[in-house]
Amino acid sequence: MTTIVLVHGLWADGSAWSETITELRALGHEPVAAQLPLESMEDDIAAVRRVLSTVDGPVLLVGWSYGGAVTTNAAVGQDKVKALSYVAAFTPDEGESVSDIAHRNPGSLIRENIKVTEDGHSYIDRPAYGKVVAADAPAERTALAAAVQKFPRLGIDSAPSGPPAWRNLPSHYLIATQDNALPAATQRELADRIDAKATAWDTGHGPMYARPTDLAAYLHDIAKGL
């Protein structure tokens, strides 16, 4: 069976996928979630490739939010990766950064809800986490996500991307139409640019928090075709 490897975004960790993993296991999968250091894009790419080295193919590589930029780079040269799944994700072209994409369209609530630590890391203001990341998710779930969020180093989103894996791999894109972090208009532009098979859901930026059962079924259906 296809191995599903899950990659989280900024201000999150691998536990973002907890409920989705449980649902995928019920469908017969043995998914694995990467843990990104969030100190540099280079380190994050290496972390995903490390995980890929521990699983058998074929692999469906799933990137959420910033994790999409990581998977776009990490899948290059990885023969066992057969398809990419982007969940409300950044899909940079070569030389483009996450920051470049983030400013394409208005509507994100991230900038007004970001806090910065004295040593140059950032986090989403915990009381606002649910509003920004998954307004349609249970409040207790987003409170937990806020409590365990990782602190990415400032500037990590400015790193230029390398040659994108989506040029050579089939791609799927889940558009979150009620997204308060990455505007849906930007997501549609990205999905079109990479010629992805696009699906739109009336949900916020983090469907793994709001709709984990649906998300698992969506990924299962993609994996079945590999």
Protein backbone atom coordinates (compact mmCIF):
# COMPACT_ATOMS: atom_id res chain seq x y z
CA MET A 1 0.00 0.00 0.00
CA THR A 2 1.09 3.55 -0.68
CA THR A 3 2.92 5.19 2.22
CA ILE A 4 1.55 8.61 3.13
CA VAL A 5 4.13 11.05 4.52
CA LEU A 6 2.69 14.17 6.14
CA VAL A 7 4.54 17.48 6.49
CA HIS A 8 3.27 20.25 8.78
CA GLY A 9 3.51 24.01 8.39
CA LEU A 10 4.90 26.91 10.38
CA TRP A 11 3.60 27.44 13.92
CA ALA A 12 2.70 23.75 14.15
CA ASP A 13 4.33 20.37 14.66
CA GLY A 14 3.68 16.80 13.58
CA SER A 15 0.84 16.45 16.08
CA ALA A 16 -1.26 18.59 13.74
CA TRP A 17 -1.90 15.34 11.89
CA SER A 18 -2.85 13.24 14.94
CA GLU A 19 -6.53 12.76 14.14
CA THR A 20 -5.81 12.36 10.43
CA ILE A 21 -3.26 9.65 11.20
CA THR A 22 -5.80 7.79 13.32
CA GLU A 23 -8.33 7.94 10.50
CA LEU A 24 -5.76 6.87 7.90
CA ARG A 25 -4.76 3.91 10.02
CA ALA A 26 -8.40 2.85 10.16
CA LEU A 27 -8.31 2.86 6.36
CA GLY A 28 -5.33 0.51 6.36
CA HIS A 29 -2.44 2.97 6.04
CA GLU A 30 0.70 3.37 8.15
CA PRO A 31 1.25 7.13 7.73
CA VAL A 32 4.32 8.94 9.01
CA ALA A 33 4.53 12.61 10.01
CA ALA A 34 7.76 14.57 9.69
CA GLN A 35 8.92 16.92 12.43
CA LEU A 36 10.42 20.06 10.93
CA PRO A 37 13.12 21.95 12.88
CA LEU A 38 11.86 25.27 11.43
CA GLU A 39 15.29 26.84 11.75
CA SER A 40 16.01 26.94 8.01
CA MET A 41 14.38 25.70 4.82
CA GLU A 42 17.49 23.60 4.15
CA ASP A 43 17.14 21.82 7.49
CA ASP A 44 13.44 21.23 6.90
CA ILE A 45 14.07 19.69 3.48
CA ALA A 46 16.68 17.43 5.05
CA ALA A 47 14.22 16.38 7.76
CA VAL A 48 11.65 15.28 5.19
CA ARG A 49 14.24 13.39 3.17
CA ARG A 50 15.33 11.68 6.37
CA VAL A 51 11.79 10.46 6.91
CA LEU A 52 11.54 9.34 3.28
CA SER A 53 14.67 7.24 3.76
CA THR A 54 12.85 5.23 6.44
CA VAL A 55 9.73 4.24 4.47
CA ASP A 56 8.97 2.09 1.47
CA GLY A 57 7.46 3.39 -1.73
CA PRO A 58 5.31 4.27 -3.42
CA VAL A 59 4.93 7.47 -1.39
CA LEU A 60 2.27 10.16 -1.43
CA LEU A 61 4.02 13.22 0.00
CA VAL A 62 1.60 15.64 1.64
CA GLY A 63 2.49 19.24 2.48
CA TRP A 64 0.33 21.63 4.45
CA SER A 65 0.92 25.40 4.30
CA TYR A 66 4.69 26.09 4.51
CA GLY A 67 5.12 22.33 4.39
CA GLY A 68 4.12 22.51 0.74
CA ALA A 69 7.23 24.55 -0.01
CA VAL A 70 9.33 21.99 1.85
CA THR A 71 7.85 19.03 -0.02
CA THR A 72 8.24 20.88 -3.33
CA ASN A 73 11.99 20.74 -2.71
CA ALA A 74 12.31 17.53 -0.71
CA ALA A 75 10.67 15.33 -3.37
CA VAL A 76 13.23 16.23 -6.03
CA GLY A 77 15.35 13.16 -6.84
CA GLN A 78 13.27 10.90 -4.56
CA ASP A 79 12.15 8.12 -6.88
CA LYS A 80 9.84 6.56 -4.31
CA VAL A 81 7.67 9.71 -4.24
CA LYS A 82 4.98 9.16 -6.87
CA ALA A 83 2.66 12.11 -6.22
CA LEU A 84 2.34 15.33 -4.24
CA SER A 85 -0.67 16.47 -2.26
CA TYR A 86 -0.85 20.11 -1.25
CA VAL A 87 -3.25 21.11 1.53
CA ALA A 88 -3.82 24.89 1.53
CA ALA A 89 -0.13 24.98 0.74
CA PHE A 90 2.64 27.06 -0.76
CA THR A 91 3.98 25.71 -4.07
CA PRO A 92 6.91 27.93 -5.00
CA ASP A 93 8.62 27.94 -8.36
CA GLU A 94 12.40 28.03 -8.60
CA GLY A 95 13.79 31.19 -7.02
CA GLU A 96 10.49 32.07 -5.38
CA SER A 97 9.96 32.19 -1.61
CA VAL A 98 7.04 31.52 0.68
CA SER A 99 7.08 35.21 1.55
CA ASP A 100 6.75 36.14 -2.11
CA ILE A 101 3.61 34.02 -2.40
CA ALA A 102 2.17 35.15 0.94
CA HIS A 103 1.89 38.75 -0.28
CA ARG A 104 0.14 38.02 -3.57
CA ASN A 105 -3.39 38.71 -2.34
CA PRO A 106 -4.91 40.43 0.71
CA GLY A 107 -6.90 38.64 3.37
CA SER A 108 -4.38 36.89 5.62
CA LEU A 109 -4.68 37.48 9.37
CA ILE A 110 -1.18 36.23 10.12
CA ARG A 111 0.73 39.50 10.19
CA GLU A 112 -1.56 41.15 12.75
CA ASN A 113 -1.44 38.13 15.06
CA ILE A 114 2.27 37.29 15.02
CA LYS A 115 4.45 37.72 18.08
CA VAL A 116 8.25 37.77 18.03
CA THR A 117 10.60 36.50 20.71
CA GLU A 118 13.77 38.26 21.79
CA ASP A 119 15.94 35.65 20.07
CA GLY A 120 14.35 36.06 16.64
CA HIS A 121 11.61 33.45 16.48
CA SER A 122 7.90 33.89 15.95
CA TYR A 123 4.61 32.44 17.11
CA ILE A 124 0.91 33.07 16.58
CA ASP A 125 -0.71 34.84 19.50
CA ARG A 126 -2.31 31.90 21.29
CA PRO A 127 -5.80 33.38 21.80
CA ALA A 128 -5.97 34.14 18.06
CA TYR A 129 -4.61 30.81 16.86
CA GLY A 130 -7.98 29.26 16.11
CA LYS A 131 -9.23 32.32 14.25
CA VAL A 132 -6.14 32.40 12.05
CA VAL A 133 -5.55 28.69 11.45
CA ALA A 134 -8.88 26.89 11.70
CA ALA A 135 -11.89 28.98 12.62
CA ASP A 136 -14.21 26.06 11.87
CA ALA A 137 -12.40 23.59 14.15
CA PRO A 138 -13.36 22.81 17.75
CA ALA A 139 -11.97 25.44 20.11
CA GLU A 140 -10.32 22.81 22.31
CA ARG A 141 -8.46 21.37 19.31
CA THR A 142 -7.06 24.70 18.21
CA ALA A 143 -6.19 25.60 21.81
CA LEU A 144 -4.09 22.43 21.92
CA ALA A 145 -2.48 23.31 18.59
CA ALA A 146 -1.68 26.79 19.90
CA ALA A 147 -0.12 25.33 23.02
CA VAL A 148 2.24 23.00 21.13
CA GLN A 149 3.06 25.27 18.19
CA LYS A 150 6.71 25.44 17.19
CA PHE A 151 8.56 28.75 16.93
CA PRO A 152 10.02 29.19 13.43
CA ARG A 153 13.09 31.34 12.99
CA LEU A 154 12.38 34.75 11.48
CA GLY A 155 13.24 34.86 7.79
CA ILE A 156 12.70 31.16 7.14
CA ASP A 157 9.92 32.09 4.73
CA SER A 158 12.31 34.20 2.63
CA ALA A 159 14.50 31.32 1.45
CA PRO A 160 14.40 30.91 -2.35
CA SER A 161 13.05 27.59 -3.54
CA GLY A 162 14.99 25.22 -5.76
CA PRO A 163 13.70 23.40 -8.85
CA PRO A 164 10.15 22.28 -8.00
CA ALA A 165 9.14 18.63 -7.85
CA TRP A 166 5.66 19.51 -9.10
CA ARG A 167 7.08 19.97 -12.59
CA ASN A 168 7.63 16.22 -12.83
CA LEU A 169 5.12 14.68 -10.44
CA PRO A 170 1.32 14.52 -10.48
CA SER A 171 -0.03 17.02 -7.98
CA HIS A 172 -3.26 17.45 -6.07
CA TYR A 173 -4.32 20.66 -4.35
CA LEU A 174 -6.93 21.04 -1.62
CA ILE A 175 -8.15 24.65 -1.66
CA ALA A 176 -9.54 25.97 1.63
CA THR A 177 -12.09 28.59 0.61
CA GLN A 178 -12.47 30.09 4.12
CA ASP A 179 -8.73 30.38 4.74
CA ASN A 180 -7.61 33.22 7.06
CA ALA A 181 -3.90 32.48 6.64
CA LEU A 182 -3.33 31.85 2.92
CA PRO A 183 -6.05 33.54 0.86
CA ALA A 184 -8.13 31.21 -1.29
CA ALA A 185 -7.45 33.40 -4.32
CA THR A 186 -3.74 32.66 -3.96
CA GLN A 187 -4.40 28.96 -3.53
CA ARG A 188 -6.40 28.88 -6.76
CA GLU A 189 -3.57 30.65 -8.58
CA LEU A 190 -1.05 28.15 -7.25
CA ALA A 191 -3.17 25.14 -8.12
CA ASP A 192 -3.61 26.43 -11.66
CA ARG A 193 0.07 27.18 -12.08
CA ILE A 194 1.21 23.69 -11.12
CA ASP A 195 -1.60 22.06 -13.13
CA ALA A 196 -2.85 20.27 -10.02
CA LYS A 197 -6.05 18.32 -9.69
CA ALA A 198 -7.85 20.84 -7.48
CA THR A 199 -10.57 20.24 -4.91
CA ALA A 200 -12.23 23.08 -2.96
CA TRP A 201 -13.62 22.73 0.56
CA ASP A 202 -15.54 25.29 2.58
CA THR A 203 -13.05 25.16 5.45
CA GLY A 204 -10.24 27.13 7.08
CA HIS A 205 -6.49 26.86 6.68
CA GLY A 206 -6.20 23.73 8.83
CA PRO A 207 -8.63 21.02 7.68
CA MET A 208 -6.63 18.50 9.70
CA TYR A 209 -8.08 20.22 12.77
CA ALA A 210 -11.60 20.78 11.46
CA ARG A 211 -12.22 17.82 9.14
CA PRO A 212 -9.70 15.05 9.84
CA THR A 213 -12.03 12.23 8.78
CA ASP A 214 -12.74 13.91 5.47
CA LEU A 215 -9.06 14.73 4.99
CA ALA A 216 -8.04 11.12 5.59
CA ALA A 217 -10.62 9.92 3.06
CA TYR A 218 -9.37 12.49 0.55
CA LEU A 219 -5.75 11.36 0.94
CA HIS A 220 -6.78 7.69 0.86
CA ASP A 221 -8.49 8.22 -2.49
CA ILE A 222 -5.37 9.86 -3.94
CA ALA A 223 -3.14 7.10 -2.58
CA LYS A 224 -5.31 4.39 -4.09
CA GLY A 225 -4.41 5.64 -7.56
CA LEU A 226 -0.64 5.32 -7.10
